[in-house]
């Protein structure tokens, strides 16, 4: 199975760590965030890697020549959804996609791959434990989810903390049929909203992946959740980076 890693952005909130290097090159406990994710995937047999880059993509190309690359040259003017769809021609078979600024273990990937659903989101069910120290990235900014009967019913930052089931980790799995649905809905929404506001995004081009997920859910697409009790950390700010040095527990 292929993994598509979305890593085009600069990561301004992780300055000065990202002043002269891609965000995913930031080292947590002596290992790049990117390498933590690659190891978690490899344990589960996911070794075919596509990296979608933008900011300083040449450094990733130099250090990881075995990757397949897609270049989001307009990364400064678009967002995660637009980045992911740069790899659309690689979505004719099952794949997982993930953000590049996260830490996760092999068990997270294992649980996701075990889901029989065509589309499944990895969800951290003890997410609030990580937010006790995250004063620079409050729970209001988390990509929270609500669920019912095994399906995600809502994925939105605006979900109230007390009602959220968990936090979307930024890792998702698609079967061949799930990938086809993703592409179909992307093109439907782009045809209607290109250059216009789309959900909470000022423009469709600035949309996050969760915006498309919610649009799919609203039209009846089933999206499952594969739960993980932790084993995941987001590194979005310099404070997150420092917390990861202290609290990240890698391995299985």
Protein backbone atom coordinates (compact mmCIF):
# COMPACT_ATOMS: atom_id res chain seq x y z
CA UNK A 1 0.00 0.00 0.00
CA UNK A 2 1.08 3.56 -0.68
CA UNK A 3 1.36 6.39 1.80
CA UNK A 4 0.86 9.95 0.59
CA UNK A 5 2.50 12.43 2.92
CA UNK A 6 1.32 16.04 2.77
CA UNK A 7 4.25 18.32 3.55
CA UNK A 8 4.11 21.39 1.35
CA UNK A 9 3.65 24.14 3.93
CA UNK A 10 6.35 26.10 5.68
CA UNK A 11 5.15 25.73 9.25
CA UNK A 12 5.54 29.34 10.32
CA UNK A 13 4.35 28.60 13.84
CA UNK A 14 7.35 26.30 14.29
CA UNK A 15 9.84 29.09 13.77
CA UNK A 16 12.78 29.32 14.23
CA UNK A 17 13.02 25.53 13.80
CA UNK A 18 11.70 25.75 10.22
CA UNK A 19 13.67 28.86 9.21
CA UNK A 20 15.92 26.92 6.83
CA UNK A 21 14.46 23.43 6.71
CA UNK A 22 11.18 21.64 5.88
CA UNK A 23 8.91 21.31 8.90
CA UNK A 24 9.00 17.51 8.81
CA UNK A 25 12.81 17.60 9.20
CA UNK A 26 12.47 18.90 12.76
CA UNK A 27 14.05 16.32 15.03
CA UNK A 28 12.17 14.93 18.00
CA UNK A 29 14.35 12.93 20.35
CA UNK A 30 17.07 12.72 17.74
CA UNK A 31 14.89 11.59 14.84
CA UNK A 32 13.11 13.59 12.16
CA UNK A 33 9.35 13.70 12.43
CA UNK A 34 9.25 12.37 8.89
CA UNK A 35 11.33 9.36 9.87
CA UNK A 36 9.11 8.53 12.84
CA UNK A 37 6.18 8.32 10.43
CA UNK A 38 8.09 6.33 7.82
CA UNK A 39 9.05 3.75 10.43
CA UNK A 40 5.46 3.45 11.66
CA UNK A 41 4.32 2.84 8.08
CA UNK A 42 7.12 0.41 7.22
CA UNK A 43 6.28 -1.85 10.18
CA UNK A 44 2.86 -2.26 8.55
CA UNK A 45 4.24 -2.94 5.09
CA UNK A 46 3.57 0.56 3.77
CA UNK A 47 6.81 1.41 1.99
CA UNK A 48 5.67 3.03 -1.26
CA UNK A 49 5.92 6.70 -0.34
CA UNK A 50 4.69 9.75 -2.21
CA UNK A 51 5.75 13.07 -0.69
CA UNK A 52 3.85 16.19 -1.65
CA UNK A 53 6.24 19.05 -1.08
CA UNK A 54 6.43 22.76 -1.59
CA UNK A 55 8.58 24.76 0.82
CA UNK A 56 12.19 23.57 0.39
CA UNK A 57 11.12 20.44 -1.45
CA UNK A 58 14.61 20.15 -2.92
CA UNK A 59 15.97 19.17 0.50
CA UNK A 60 13.48 16.32 0.78
CA UNK A 61 14.32 15.19 -2.75
CA UNK A 62 18.01 15.11 -1.90
CA UNK A 63 17.63 13.08 1.30
CA UNK A 64 14.85 10.71 0.18
CA UNK A 65 15.56 9.82 -3.46
CA UNK A 66 13.37 6.71 -3.29
CA UNK A 67 10.20 8.74 -2.75
CA UNK A 68 7.76 9.57 -5.51
CA UNK A 69 7.35 13.36 -5.46
CA UNK A 70 4.59 15.75 -6.31
CA UNK A 71 5.34 19.46 -6.20
CA UNK A 72 2.75 21.93 -4.94
CA UNK A 73 4.48 24.99 -6.39
CA UNK A 74 1.66 27.28 -5.23
CA UNK A 75 1.84 26.05 -1.63
CA UNK A 76 1.90 29.60 -0.21
CA UNK A 77 -1.53 30.31 -1.73
CA UNK A 78 -3.43 27.08 -1.14
CA UNK A 79 -3.83 24.49 1.62
CA UNK A 80 -3.87 20.83 2.61
CA UNK A 81 -6.71 19.70 0.34
CA UNK A 82 -5.12 21.24 -2.74
CA UNK A 83 -1.80 19.69 -1.75
CA UNK A 84 -3.24 16.18 -1.43
CA UNK A 85 -4.88 16.34 -4.84
CA UNK A 86 -1.50 16.92 -6.49
CA UNK A 87 -1.18 13.14 -6.09
CA UNK A 88 -4.56 12.38 -7.63
CA UNK A 89 -3.04 10.24 -10.37
CA UNK A 90 -1.67 7.91 -7.69
CA UNK A 91 -5.10 7.29 -6.16
CA UNK A 92 -6.20 4.44 -8.39
CA UNK A 93 -5.38 1.94 -5.67
CA UNK A 94 -5.72 1.87 -1.87
CA UNK A 95 -3.62 4.37 0.08
CA UNK A 96 -3.22 6.15 3.35
CA UNK A 97 -2.55 9.86 3.62
CA UNK A 98 -1.10 11.76 6.52
CA UNK A 99 0.13 15.17 7.54
CA UNK A 100 3.90 15.52 7.79
CA UNK A 101 3.95 17.45 11.09
CA UNK A 102 2.70 14.63 13.29
CA UNK A 103 4.22 11.82 15.33
CA UNK A 104 2.48 8.45 15.41
CA UNK A 105 3.32 4.85 16.18
CA UNK A 106 2.99 1.68 14.14
CA UNK A 107 -0.05 0.70 16.20
CA UNK A 108 -1.96 3.73 14.88
CA UNK A 109 -1.35 2.57 11.31
CA UNK A 110 -2.21 -1.03 12.20
CA UNK A 111 -5.58 -0.02 13.64
CA UNK A 112 -6.35 2.10 10.59
CA UNK A 113 -5.46 -0.61 8.09
CA UNK A 114 -7.59 -3.10 10.01
CA UNK A 115 -10.73 -1.07 9.30
CA UNK A 116 -12.87 -2.71 6.60
CA UNK A 117 -14.38 0.66 5.65
CA UNK A 118 -13.71 2.30 2.29
CA UNK A 119 -12.73 5.49 4.11
CA UNK A 120 -11.54 5.59 7.70
CA UNK A 121 -10.08 8.36 9.82
CA UNK A 122 -7.65 7.73 12.65
CA UNK A 123 -9.08 9.31 15.81
CA UNK A 124 -7.28 9.88 19.09
CA UNK A 125 -9.80 9.18 21.85
CA UNK A 126 -7.67 10.52 24.72
CA UNK A 127 -6.75 13.66 22.84
CA UNK A 128 -7.41 16.07 25.69
CA UNK A 129 -4.52 14.65 27.70
CA UNK A 130 -2.15 16.23 25.17
CA UNK A 131 -3.81 19.61 25.49
CA UNK A 132 -3.11 20.11 29.17
CA UNK A 133 0.19 21.82 28.30
CA UNK A 134 -0.65 23.19 24.83
CA UNK A 135 -1.36 26.81 25.64
CA UNK A 136 -0.30 27.92 22.15
CA UNK A 137 -2.63 25.45 20.42
CA UNK A 138 -5.87 25.23 22.45
CA UNK A 139 -8.56 22.55 21.99
CA UNK A 140 -10.59 25.07 19.97
CA UNK A 141 -8.06 24.59 17.16
CA UNK A 142 -8.23 20.79 17.15
CA UNK A 143 -9.79 18.91 14.22
CA UNK A 144 -12.39 17.25 16.45
CA UNK A 145 -14.85 14.54 15.51
CA UNK A 146 -18.25 13.29 16.56
CA UNK A 147 -19.35 9.72 15.80
CA UNK A 148 -22.38 7.45 15.80
CA UNK A 149 -22.69 3.73 15.08
CA UNK A 150 -19.09 3.45 13.91
CA UNK A 151 -19.22 6.38 11.51
CA UNK A 152 -17.91 9.90 11.75
CA UNK A 153 -20.87 12.27 11.75
CA UNK A 154 -18.97 15.54 12.04
CA UNK A 155 -15.36 16.65 11.74
CA UNK A 156 -14.87 20.30 12.61
CA UNK A 157 -12.75 22.58 14.74
CA UNK A 158 -15.93 24.20 16.06
CA UNK A 159 -17.19 21.09 17.86
CA UNK A 160 -17.44 21.82 21.56
CA UNK A 161 -14.66 20.17 23.53
CA UNK A 162 -17.04 18.50 25.96
CA UNK A 163 -19.03 16.84 23.15
CA UNK A 164 -16.10 15.75 20.97
CA UNK A 165 -15.47 12.02 20.66
CA UNK A 166 -11.83 12.56 19.76
CA UNK A 167 -9.37 14.34 17.50
CA UNK A 168 -8.63 13.44 13.89
CA UNK A 169 -4.93 12.62 13.82
CA UNK A 170 -4.39 13.67 10.22
CA UNK A 171 -4.09 10.05 9.06
CA UNK A 172 -6.75 8.50 6.83
CA UNK A 173 -7.16 5.28 4.84
CA UNK A 174 -8.87 4.86 1.49
CA UNK A 175 -9.76 1.69 -0.36
CA UNK A 176 -9.83 1.81 -4.14
CA UNK A 177 -13.53 2.69 -3.97
CA UNK A 178 -12.90 5.20 -1.19
CA UNK A 179 -10.24 6.88 -3.28
CA UNK A 180 -12.66 7.12 -6.19
CA UNK A 181 -15.22 8.79 -3.94
CA UNK A 182 -12.62 11.26 -2.67
CA UNK A 183 -11.72 12.28 -6.22
CA UNK A 184 -15.35 12.47 -7.33
CA UNK A 185 -16.33 14.78 -4.48
CA UNK A 186 -13.23 16.94 -4.86
CA UNK A 187 -14.03 17.62 -8.50
CA UNK A 188 -17.70 18.22 -7.76
CA UNK A 189 -16.84 20.78 -5.09
CA UNK A 190 -14.13 22.43 -7.15
CA UNK A 191 -16.52 22.86 -10.07
CA UNK A 192 -18.97 24.65 -7.79
CA UNK A 193 -16.65 26.59 -5.51
CA UNK A 194 -13.37 27.34 -7.31
CA UNK A 195 -12.45 30.91 -6.45
CA UNK A 196 -15.36 31.10 -3.97
CA UNK A 197 -15.81 30.46 -0.25
CA UNK A 198 -16.14 26.77 0.65
CA UNK A 199 -17.48 25.95 4.08
CA UNK A 200 -15.23 27.74 6.59
CA UNK A 201 -12.49 28.42 4.03
CA UNK A 202 -12.36 31.90 2.51
CA UNK A 203 -11.73 30.24 -0.87
CA UNK A 204 -12.00 26.65 -2.06
CA UNK A 205 -8.28 26.73 -2.77
CA UNK A 206 -7.65 27.44 0.93
CA UNK A 207 -9.75 24.51 2.17
CA UNK A 208 -8.55 21.94 4.63
CA UNK A 209 -9.04 18.24 4.00
CA UNK A 210 -11.60 18.08 6.81
CA UNK A 211 -13.79 20.52 4.87
CA UNK A 212 -14.11 18.02 2.05
CA UNK A 213 -14.63 15.15 4.50
CA UNK A 214 -17.57 16.98 6.06
CA UNK A 215 -19.04 17.77 2.66
CA UNK A 216 -18.82 14.09 1.76
CA UNK A 217 -20.50 13.09 5.03
CA UNK A 218 -23.28 15.60 4.42
CA UNK A 219 -24.00 14.00 1.04
CA UNK A 220 -24.25 10.52 2.53
CA UNK A 221 -20.74 9.11 2.21
CA UNK A 222 -19.86 6.75 5.06
CA UNK A 223 -16.58 7.59 6.80
CA UNK A 224 -15.53 5.29 9.61
CA UNK A 225 -13.19 5.93 12.52
CA UNK A 226 -10.26 3.81 13.67
CA UNK A 227 -9.56 4.72 17.27
CA UNK A 228 -6.22 5.09 18.99
CA UNK A 229 -5.80 5.89 22.69
CA UNK A 230 -2.91 8.28 22.20
CA UNK A 231 0.26 7.12 20.42
CA UNK A 232 0.05 10.37 18.47
CA UNK A 233 1.24 13.96 18.81
CA UNK A 234 0.90 17.00 16.58
CA UNK A 235 3.87 19.35 16.34
CA UNK A 236 2.41 22.63 15.17
CA UNK A 237 4.13 25.23 17.34
CA UNK A 238 7.50 25.70 18.97
CA UNK A 239 5.83 24.82 22.27
CA UNK A 240 4.58 21.54 20.74
CA UNK A 241 8.13 20.84 19.58
CA UNK A 242 9.46 21.28 23.09
CA UNK A 243 6.67 19.16 24.58
CA UNK A 244 7.40 16.37 22.10
CA UNK A 245 11.01 16.24 23.26
CA UNK A 246 9.75 15.55 26.77
CA UNK A 247 6.64 13.45 26.31
CA UNK A 248 6.73 11.60 22.97
CA UNK A 249 6.77 7.83 23.36
CA UNK A 250 7.60 6.19 20.06
CA UNK A 251 7.92 2.52 19.27
CA UNK A 252 5.09 0.04 18.66
